[in-house]
Amino acid sequence: MKSLAIAAMLSGALAFGAPTFVHTTYAQQATTTTADRDADKAKHEADKAGDDAKEAAKKTGAAAKHAGKATASATKSTAKTVKKDTTNASKAVAHDTKGAVKTSGSDAKSVGQALKDDITGDHKDATAKCSDGTYWYAADRAGACKDHGGVANWMK
């Protein structure tokens, strides 16, 4: 009788448990299917994000390359301009220096002549006699005897 009672309970449990088992299996399959779909969707989105990141990296690399080329071009252009300006400035300085040397040499010659004329008393090349008794030898009358009290009289 015990066997019969156990058999009855087992068969009752099986009878009641079977639909629950089937229902649980179906729910697990549905949940697993949904989870699999969600995982596939997440994987797909992650792949797209990875592709976007690769594309952004390529664009960043290209932008850096173009910026480097622009910098190199600007530097080269600036160097050419500086070279040209330096050359022009050095030519101008050389020209002005040459002119200053000629003027200084001419002025030294005039001063030397004036000293000689003052020592010898020969002032035939003087252009003016200054108020303080000195003589002016420059051909240009502007500024004659400026620091010597002005022109007393013009010689030529």
Protein backbone atom coordinates (compact mmCIF):
# COMPACT_ATOMS: atom_id res chain seq x y z
CA MET A 1 0.00 0.00 0.00
CA LYS A 2 2.87 2.19 0.63
CA SER A 3 4.01 1.55 -2.90
CA LEU A 4 0.63 2.42 -4.19
CA ALA A 5 0.52 5.64 -2.21
CA ILE A 6 3.98 6.62 -3.46
CA ALA A 7 3.01 5.76 -7.00
CA ALA A 8 -0.12 7.89 -6.69
CA MET A 9 1.84 10.85 -5.36
CA LEU A 10 4.46 10.48 -8.01
CA SER A 11 1.91 10.28 -10.76
CA GLY A 12 0.06 13.31 -9.31
CA ALA A 13 3.29 15.23 -9.10
CA LEU A 14 4.13 14.31 -12.64
CA ALA A 15 0.68 15.23 -13.80
CA PHE A 16 0.84 18.64 -12.16
CA GLY A 17 4.52 19.20 -12.82
CA ALA A 18 4.50 18.48 -16.52
CA PRO A 19 2.74 21.62 -17.67
CA THR A 20 4.91 23.68 -15.33
CA PHE A 21 8.01 22.03 -16.78
CA VAL A 22 6.88 22.69 -20.34
CA HIS A 23 5.91 26.25 -19.44
CA THR A 24 9.28 26.84 -17.71
CA THR A 25 11.17 25.42 -20.66
CA TYR A 26 9.26 27.67 -23.10
CA ALA A 27 9.89 30.71 -20.86
CA GLN A 28 13.55 29.83 -20.64
CA GLN A 29 13.72 29.43 -24.39
CA ALA A 30 11.95 32.78 -24.94
CA THR A 31 14.22 34.51 -22.42
CA THR A 32 17.28 32.93 -23.94
CA THR A 33 16.18 33.98 -27.41
CA THR A 34 15.56 37.55 -26.27
CA ALA A 35 18.89 37.61 -24.43
CA ASP A 36 20.63 36.27 -27.52
CA ARG A 37 18.98 38.95 -29.66
CA ASP A 38 19.99 41.65 -27.17
CA ALA A 39 23.56 40.33 -27.11
CA ASP A 40 23.68 40.28 -30.93
CA LYS A 41 22.31 43.83 -31.05
CA ALA A 42 24.89 45.00 -28.48
CA LYS A 43 27.66 43.29 -30.46
CA HIS A 44 26.46 44.97 -33.66
CA GLU A 45 26.38 48.39 -31.96
CA ALA A 46 29.86 47.79 -30.52
CA ASP A 47 31.12 46.92 -34.02
CA LYS A 48 29.62 50.13 -35.38
CA ALA A 49 31.23 52.10 -32.54
CA GLY A 50 34.58 50.48 -33.34
CA ASP A 51 34.19 51.37 -37.03
CA ASP A 52 33.32 54.96 -36.08
CA ALA A 53 36.38 55.15 -33.83
CA LYS A 54 38.61 53.84 -36.65
CA GLU A 55 37.14 56.40 -39.05
CA ALA A 56 37.67 59.20 -36.51
CA ALA A 57 41.28 58.10 -36.02
CA LYS A 58 41.86 58.14 -39.79
CA LYS A 59 40.38 61.64 -40.03
CA THR A 60 42.47 62.82 -37.10
CA GLY A 61 45.59 61.42 -38.74
CA ALA A 62 44.72 63.10 -42.03
CA ALA A 63 44.05 66.39 -40.25
CA ALA A 64 47.41 66.20 -38.47
CA LYS A 65 49.13 65.42 -41.78
CA HIS A 66 47.50 68.43 -43.47
CA ALA A 67 48.34 70.68 -40.51
CA GLY A 68 51.96 69.55 -40.70
CA LYS A 69 52.11 70.29 -44.43
CA ALA A 70 50.56 73.72 -43.86
CA THR A 71 53.08 74.49 -41.12
CA ALA A 72 55.98 73.37 -43.30
CA SER A 73 54.74 75.46 -46.21
CA ALA A 74 54.27 78.54 -44.06
CA THR A 75 57.71 78.09 -42.49
CA LYS A 76 59.31 77.75 -45.92
CA SER A 77 57.48 80.85 -47.16
CA THR A 78 58.53 82.82 -44.08
CA ALA A 79 62.14 81.72 -44.50
CA LYS A 80 62.14 82.89 -48.14
CA THR A 81 60.69 86.26 -47.13
CA VAL A 82 63.21 86.68 -44.32
CA LYS A 83 66.07 85.77 -46.67
CA LYS A 84 64.88 88.27 -49.28
CA ASP A 85 64.37 91.03 -46.69
CA THR A 86 67.78 90.34 -45.13
CA THR A 87 69.45 90.48 -48.53
CA ASN A 88 67.73 93.77 -49.35
CA ALA A 89 68.59 95.24 -45.95
CA SER A 90 72.24 94.21 -46.23
CA LYS A 91 72.44 95.76 -49.72
CA ALA A 92 70.92 98.98 -48.39
CA VAL A 93 73.36 99.06 -45.47
CA ALA A 94 76.28 98.39 -47.79
CA HIS A 95 75.14 101.15 -50.14
CA ASP A 96 74.64 103.62 -47.28
CA THR A 97 77.98 102.67 -45.73
CA LYS A 98 79.76 103.15 -49.06
CA GLY A 99 78.11 106.56 -49.41
CA ALA A 100 79.03 107.48 -45.84
CA VAL A 101 82.64 106.46 -46.43
CA LYS A 102 82.79 108.59 -49.58
CA THR A 103 81.22 111.52 -47.73
CA SER A 104 83.53 111.05 -44.76
CA GLY A 105 86.52 110.88 -47.07
CA SER A 106 85.39 114.00 -48.87
CA ASP A 107 84.72 115.80 -45.59
CA ALA A 108 88.11 114.75 -44.24
CA LYS A 109 89.74 116.07 -47.39
CA SER A 110 87.84 119.37 -47.02
CA VAL A 111 88.82 119.66 -43.35
CA GLY A 112 92.41 118.82 -44.22
CA GLN A 113 92.38 121.49 -46.92
CA ALA A 114 90.84 124.00 -44.50
CA LEU A 115 93.52 123.27 -41.91
CA LYS A 116 96.23 123.62 -44.53
CA ASP A 117 94.70 126.88 -45.74
CA ASP A 118 94.42 128.17 -42.15
CA ILE A 119 98.05 127.30 -41.48
CA THR A 120 99.36 128.73 -44.73
CA GLY A 121 96.92 131.66 -44.79
CA ASP A 122 95.72 130.67 -48.29
CA HIS A 123 91.95 130.72 -48.40
CA LYS A 124 91.44 130.80 -52.18
CA ASP A 125 89.06 127.75 -52.06
CA ALA A 126 86.95 129.11 -49.16
CA THR A 127 83.30 129.87 -49.94
CA ALA A 128 82.67 132.11 -46.92
CA LYS A 129 84.41 133.84 -44.05
CA CYS A 130 82.67 133.26 -40.75
CA SER A 131 82.05 135.92 -38.10
CA ASP A 132 84.59 134.30 -35.76
CA GLY A 133 87.34 134.55 -38.40
CA THR A 134 87.28 130.96 -39.63
CA TYR A 135 86.53 130.02 -43.23
CA TRP A 136 83.84 127.83 -44.79
CA TYR A 137 84.84 125.54 -47.66
CA ALA A 138 81.67 123.61 -48.55
CA ALA A 139 80.03 124.37 -51.90
CA ASP A 140 76.60 124.16 -50.29
CA ARG A 141 75.62 127.43 -48.58
CA ALA A 142 73.03 125.79 -46.33
CA GLY A 143 74.36 125.68 -42.78
CA ALA A 144 77.50 127.70 -43.63
CA CYS A 145 79.35 128.94 -40.53
CA LYS A 146 76.55 127.48 -38.39
CA ASP A 147 78.66 127.04 -35.26
CA HIS A 148 80.93 130.03 -35.98
CA GLY A 149 78.59 132.99 -35.56
CA GLY A 150 77.21 132.93 -39.08
CA VAL A 151 78.67 134.16 -42.39
CA ALA A 152 80.56 137.45 -42.27
CA ASN A 153 80.97 137.51 -46.05
CA TRP A 154 80.80 135.14 -49.02
CA MET A 155 84.00 134.56 -50.91
CA LYS A 156 82.64 133.39 -54.26
